[in-house]
Amino acid sequence: MSSKENVAINQLLEKLERRYALRVLWALRDGHPQTFRLLQDSVGGITPNTLNTRIKELREEGLMEHGNDGYVVTASGQDLLKRLSDLQAFASRWAAARAKK
């Protein structure tokens, strides 16, 4: 992996590692717009202040936007979520294996 590629992945991971950032995006993965309150409920346990901060950051990064009906992921956000979709299958297998222990 080149130095430029390392910088790019590190920058993306830095954004996604912020508390609740990935969970906010994941809550929007079905493509249906969500109001602030619905998004807060979908994420669970996030304070309004933290949600406001994450929304602002994710909008600045071009991963989500606010449309007429609520918050949605952008095309770039959809691309990211598509690439993370295998995470669901992995998480299910991982949880099942842990439950057997």
N, C-alpha and C. Protein backbone atom coordinates (compact mmCIF):
# COMPACT_ATOMS: atom_id res chain seq x y z
N MET A 1 0.85 -1.17 0.00
CA MET A 1 0.00 0.00 0.00
C MET A 1 0.90 1.24 0.00
N SER A 2 0.55 2.17 -0.86
CA SER A 2 1.37 3.37 -0.98
C SER A 2 1.14 4.32 0.19
N SER A 3 2.03 5.26 0.31
CA SER A 3 1.92 6.26 1.37
C SER A 3 0.63 7.07 1.24
N LYS A 4 0.25 7.41 0.00
CA LYS A 4 -1.00 8.16 -0.23
C LYS A 4 -2.21 7.34 0.19
N GLU A 5 -2.17 6.03 -0.11
CA GLU A 5 -3.27 5.16 0.28
C GLU A 5 -3.37 5.04 1.80
N ASN A 6 -2.23 4.97 2.46
CA ASN A 6 -2.22 4.93 3.92
C ASN A 6 -2.82 6.20 4.51
N VAL A 7 -2.48 7.33 3.95
CA VAL A 7 -3.01 8.60 4.43
C VAL A 7 -4.52 8.63 4.26
N ALA A 8 -5.00 8.19 3.11
CA ALA A 8 -6.44 8.22 2.83
C ALA A 8 -7.21 7.32 3.78
N ILE A 9 -6.74 6.09 4.00
CA ILE A 9 -7.45 5.17 4.89
C ILE A 9 -7.39 5.67 6.33
N ASN A 10 -6.26 6.22 6.73
CA ASN A 10 -6.14 6.77 8.08
C ASN A 10 -7.09 7.93 8.29
N GLN A 11 -7.24 8.78 7.29
CA GLN A 11 -8.17 9.91 7.40
C GLN A 11 -9.61 9.41 7.52
N LEU A 12 -9.98 8.43 6.70
CA LEU A 12 -11.34 7.89 6.76
C LEU A 12 -11.59 7.23 8.10
N LEU A 13 -10.67 6.40 8.55
CA LEU A 13 -10.85 5.71 9.83
C LEU A 13 -10.93 6.70 10.99
N GLU A 14 -10.16 7.76 10.91
CA GLU A 14 -10.22 8.79 11.95
C GLU A 14 -11.63 9.37 12.06
N LYS A 15 -12.27 9.60 10.93
CA LYS A 15 -13.63 10.14 10.92
C LYS A 15 -14.63 9.11 11.45
N LEU A 16 -14.49 7.86 11.00
CA LEU A 16 -15.44 6.82 11.38
C LEU A 16 -15.25 6.33 12.81
N GLU A 17 -14.06 6.52 13.37
CA GLU A 17 -13.80 6.08 14.74
C GLU A 17 -14.39 7.01 15.79
N ARG A 18 -14.83 8.16 15.39
CA ARG A 18 -15.44 9.07 16.35
C ARG A 18 -16.71 8.43 16.90
N ARG A 19 -16.92 8.64 18.17
CA ARG A 19 -18.03 7.99 18.85
C ARG A 19 -19.35 8.18 18.10
N TYR A 20 -19.99 7.08 17.80
CA TYR A 20 -21.30 7.00 17.13
C TYR A 20 -21.28 7.34 15.64
N ALA A 21 -20.19 7.75 15.06
CA ALA A 21 -20.19 8.15 13.65
C ALA A 21 -20.65 7.01 12.75
N LEU A 22 -20.08 5.86 12.91
CA LEU A 22 -20.45 4.72 12.08
C LEU A 22 -21.87 4.27 12.38
N ARG A 23 -22.28 4.37 13.62
CA ARG A 23 -23.65 3.97 13.97
C ARG A 23 -24.68 4.91 13.35
N VAL A 24 -24.35 6.18 13.23
CA VAL A 24 -25.26 7.13 12.58
C VAL A 24 -25.42 6.73 11.11
N LEU A 25 -24.32 6.48 10.43
CA LEU A 25 -24.39 6.06 9.04
C LEU A 25 -25.14 4.74 8.90
N TRP A 26 -24.85 3.80 9.78
CA TRP A 26 -25.48 2.48 9.71
C TRP A 26 -26.99 2.60 9.89
N ALA A 27 -27.43 3.51 10.73
CA ALA A 27 -28.87 3.70 10.96
C ALA A 27 -29.58 4.19 9.70
N LEU A 28 -28.83 4.78 8.78
CA LEU A 28 -29.41 5.31 7.54
C LEU A 28 -29.22 4.37 6.36
N ARG A 29 -28.72 3.18 6.59
CA ARG A 29 -28.33 2.28 5.51
C ARG A 29 -29.49 1.83 4.63
N ASP A 30 -30.72 1.85 5.13
CA ASP A 30 -31.85 1.38 4.31
C ASP A 30 -32.30 2.41 3.28
N GLY A 31 -31.73 3.61 3.34
CA GLY A 31 -32.03 4.63 2.34
C GLY A 31 -33.24 5.49 2.64
N HIS A 32 -33.96 5.18 3.70
CA HIS A 32 -35.12 5.98 4.07
C HIS A 32 -34.70 7.18 4.91
N PRO A 33 -35.20 8.35 4.58
CA PRO A 33 -34.87 9.55 5.35
C PRO A 33 -35.34 9.42 6.80
N GLN A 34 -34.56 9.97 7.70
CA GLN A 34 -34.93 9.95 9.11
C GLN A 34 -34.85 11.35 9.69
N THR A 35 -35.83 11.70 10.48
CA THR A 35 -35.80 12.97 11.20
C THR A 35 -34.73 12.87 12.29
N PHE A 36 -34.40 14.00 12.87
CA PHE A 36 -33.41 14.01 13.94
C PHE A 36 -33.81 13.06 15.06
N ARG A 37 -35.06 13.14 15.50
CA ARG A 37 -35.55 12.32 16.61
C ARG A 37 -35.51 10.83 16.26
N LEU A 38 -35.95 10.49 15.06
CA LEU A 38 -35.93 9.10 14.63
C LEU A 38 -34.50 8.59 14.52
N LEU A 39 -33.61 9.41 14.02
CA LEU A 39 -32.21 9.03 13.91
C LEU A 39 -31.62 8.82 15.30
N GLN A 40 -31.96 9.69 16.23
CA GLN A 40 -31.48 9.54 17.61
C GLN A 40 -31.96 8.22 18.20
N ASP A 41 -33.23 7.88 17.97
CA ASP A 41 -33.78 6.61 18.45
C ASP A 41 -33.12 5.42 17.76
N SER A 42 -32.86 5.55 16.46
CA SER A 42 -32.24 4.46 15.70
C SER A 42 -30.83 4.16 16.18
N VAL A 43 -30.10 5.21 16.52
CA VAL A 43 -28.72 5.03 17.00
C VAL A 43 -28.73 4.50 18.42
N GLY A 44 -29.60 5.02 19.26
CA GLY A 44 -29.71 4.56 20.64
C GLY A 44 -28.58 5.04 21.53
N GLY A 45 -28.94 5.68 22.61
CA GLY A 45 -27.96 6.10 23.60
C GLY A 45 -27.15 7.34 23.25
N ILE A 46 -27.43 7.96 22.16
CA ILE A 46 -26.67 9.14 21.74
C ILE A 46 -27.40 10.40 22.22
N THR A 47 -26.66 11.32 22.77
CA THR A 47 -27.26 12.56 23.22
C THR A 47 -27.52 13.47 22.03
N PRO A 48 -28.48 14.39 22.15
CA PRO A 48 -28.74 15.32 21.05
C PRO A 48 -27.50 16.12 20.64
N ASN A 49 -26.70 16.53 21.61
CA ASN A 49 -25.50 17.30 21.31
C ASN A 49 -24.50 16.48 20.50
N THR A 50 -24.29 15.23 20.90
CA THR A 50 -23.36 14.37 20.18
C THR A 50 -23.89 14.07 18.78
N LEU A 51 -25.19 13.82 18.66
CA LEU A 51 -25.77 13.57 17.34
C LEU A 51 -25.61 14.79 16.44
N ASN A 52 -25.87 15.97 16.97
CA ASN A 52 -25.67 17.19 16.18
C ASN A 52 -24.24 17.30 15.68
N THR A 53 -23.29 17.00 16.55
CA THR A 53 -21.87 17.07 16.17
C THR A 53 -21.55 16.06 15.08
N ARG A 54 -22.01 14.80 15.25
CA ARG A 54 -21.72 13.78 14.25
C ARG A 54 -22.38 14.11 12.91
N ILE A 55 -23.61 14.60 12.95
CA ILE A 55 -24.29 14.99 11.71
C ILE A 55 -23.49 16.07 10.99
N LYS A 56 -23.06 17.05 11.73
CA LYS A 56 -22.28 18.15 11.13
C LYS A 56 -21.01 17.60 10.49
N GLU A 57 -20.29 16.74 11.21
CA GLU A 57 -19.04 16.18 10.69
C GLU A 57 -19.29 15.30 9.46
N LEU A 58 -20.29 14.46 9.53
CA LEU A 58 -20.57 13.56 8.41
C LEU A 58 -21.07 14.32 7.19
N ARG A 59 -21.78 15.41 7.41
CA ARG A 59 -22.20 16.26 6.29
C ARG A 59 -20.99 16.95 5.67
N GLU A 60 -20.09 17.44 6.51
CA GLU A 60 -18.87 18.10 6.01
C GLU A 60 -18.01 17.13 5.21
N GLU A 61 -18.04 15.85 5.57
CA GLU A 61 -17.26 14.84 4.87
C GLU A 61 -17.98 14.31 3.63
N GLY A 62 -19.21 14.79 3.40
CA GLY A 62 -19.95 14.39 2.22
C GLY A 62 -20.56 13.00 2.30
N LEU A 63 -20.74 12.48 3.52
CA LEU A 63 -21.28 11.14 3.69
C LEU A 63 -22.78 11.13 3.96
N MET A 64 -23.32 12.24 4.43
CA MET A 64 -24.76 12.34 4.64
C MET A 64 -25.21 13.76 4.38
N GLU A 65 -26.53 13.91 4.20
CA GLU A 65 -27.10 15.23 3.94
C GLU A 65 -28.50 15.28 4.51
N HIS A 66 -29.04 16.48 4.54
CA HIS A 66 -30.42 16.66 5.00
C HIS A 66 -31.28 17.02 3.80
N GLY A 67 -32.23 16.16 3.51
CA GLY A 67 -33.15 16.40 2.40
C GLY A 67 -34.47 16.94 2.92
N ASN A 68 -35.47 16.96 2.07
CA ASN A 68 -36.79 17.47 2.45
C ASN A 68 -37.45 16.64 3.54
N ASP A 69 -37.20 15.34 3.54
CA ASP A 69 -37.87 14.45 4.49
C ASP A 69 -37.01 14.04 5.69
N GLY A 70 -35.76 14.46 5.71
CA GLY A 70 -34.89 14.10 6.83
C GLY A 70 -33.48 13.81 6.36
N TYR A 71 -32.73 13.18 7.22
CA TYR A 71 -31.33 12.87 6.94
C TYR A 71 -31.21 11.60 6.12
N VAL A 72 -30.31 11.61 5.16
CA VAL A 72 -30.03 10.46 4.30
C VAL A 72 -28.53 10.41 4.03
N VAL A 73 -28.06 9.25 3.61
CA VAL A 73 -26.67 9.16 3.20
C VAL A 73 -26.55 9.63 1.75
N THR A 74 -25.43 10.19 1.42
CA THR A 74 -25.14 10.63 0.06
C THR A 74 -24.72 9.42 -0.77
N ALA A 75 -24.47 9.64 -2.04
CA ALA A 75 -23.97 8.56 -2.90
C ALA A 75 -22.65 8.02 -2.35
N SER A 76 -21.82 8.91 -1.86
CA SER A 76 -20.54 8.49 -1.26
C SER A 76 -20.78 7.67 0.00
N GLY A 77 -21.73 8.09 0.82
CA GLY A 77 -22.09 7.34 2.02
C GLY A 77 -22.67 5.98 1.68
N GLN A 78 -23.49 5.91 0.62
CA GLN A 78 -24.04 4.63 0.18
C GLN A 78 -22.93 3.70 -0.28
N ASP A 79 -21.96 4.25 -0.98
CA ASP A 79 -20.82 3.45 -1.44
C ASP A 79 -20.07 2.87 -0.24
N LEU A 80 -19.83 3.69 0.76
CA LEU A 80 -19.15 3.22 1.97
C LEU A 80 -19.95 2.13 2.65
N LEU A 81 -21.25 2.35 2.82
CA LEU A 81 -22.10 1.35 3.49
C LEU A 81 -22.17 0.05 2.69
N LYS A 82 -22.17 0.16 1.37
CA LYS A 82 -22.17 -1.05 0.53
C LYS A 82 -20.90 -1.86 0.81
N ARG A 83 -19.81 -1.17 0.94
CA ARG A 83 -18.53 -1.86 1.20
C ARG A 83 -18.48 -2.45 2.61
N LEU A 84 -19.27 -1.89 3.51
CA LEU A 84 -19.32 -2.39 4.88
C LEU A 84 -20.42 -3.42 5.10
N SER A 85 -21.20 -3.71 4.06
CA SER A 85 -22.35 -4.61 4.21
C SER A 85 -21.94 -6.00 4.66
N ASP A 86 -20.77 -6.44 4.30
CA ASP A 86 -20.30 -7.75 4.76
C ASP A 86 -20.11 -7.79 6.27
N LEU A 87 -20.06 -6.64 6.88
CA LEU A 87 -19.91 -6.57 8.33
C LEU A 87 -21.08 -7.24 9.04
N GLN A 88 -22.29 -7.11 8.49
CA GLN A 88 -23.47 -7.72 9.10
C GLN A 88 -23.33 -9.24 9.15
N ALA A 89 -22.95 -9.84 8.05
CA ALA A 89 -22.78 -11.30 8.01
C ALA A 89 -21.67 -11.74 8.96
N PHE A 90 -20.56 -11.01 8.94
CA PHE A 90 -19.46 -11.35 9.84
C PHE A 90 -19.90 -11.24 11.29
N ALA A 91 -20.61 -10.16 11.64
CA ALA A 91 -21.06 -9.94 13.03
C ALA A 91 -21.97 -11.07 13.50
N SER A 92 -22.84 -11.53 12.62
CA SER A 92 -23.74 -12.64 12.98
C SER A 92 -22.96 -13.91 13.27
N ARG A 93 -22.00 -14.23 12.39
CA ARG A 93 -21.17 -15.42 12.61
C ARG A 93 -20.33 -15.28 13.87
N TRP A 94 -19.78 -14.12 14.08
CA TRP A 94 -18.93 -13.85 15.24
C TRP A 94 -19.74 -13.99 16.53
N ALA A 95 -20.94 -13.40 16.57
CA ALA A 95 -21.77 -13.47 17.76
C ALA A 95 -22.19 -14.91 18.05
N ALA A 96 -22.53 -15.67 17.01
CA ALA A 96 -22.91 -17.07 17.19
C ALA A 96 -21.75 -17.88 17.75
N ALA A 97 -20.57 -17.65 17.24
CA ALA A 97 -19.38 -18.38 17.73
C ALA A 97 -19.08 -18.03 19.18
N ARG A 98 -19.24 -16.77 19.52
CA ARG A 98 -19.00 -16.36 20.92
C ARG A 98 -20.04 -16.94 21.86
N ALA A 99 -21.27 -17.07 21.38
CA ALA A 99 -22.35 -17.61 22.22
C ALA A 99 -22.12 -19.09 22.54
N LYS A 100 -21.42 -19.80 21.64
CA LYS A 100 -21.12 -21.21 21.86
C LYS A 100 -20.07 -21.43 22.92
N LYS A 101 -19.26 -20.42 23.20
CA LYS A 101 -18.18 -20.57 24.19
C LYS A 101 -18.68 -20.54 25.60
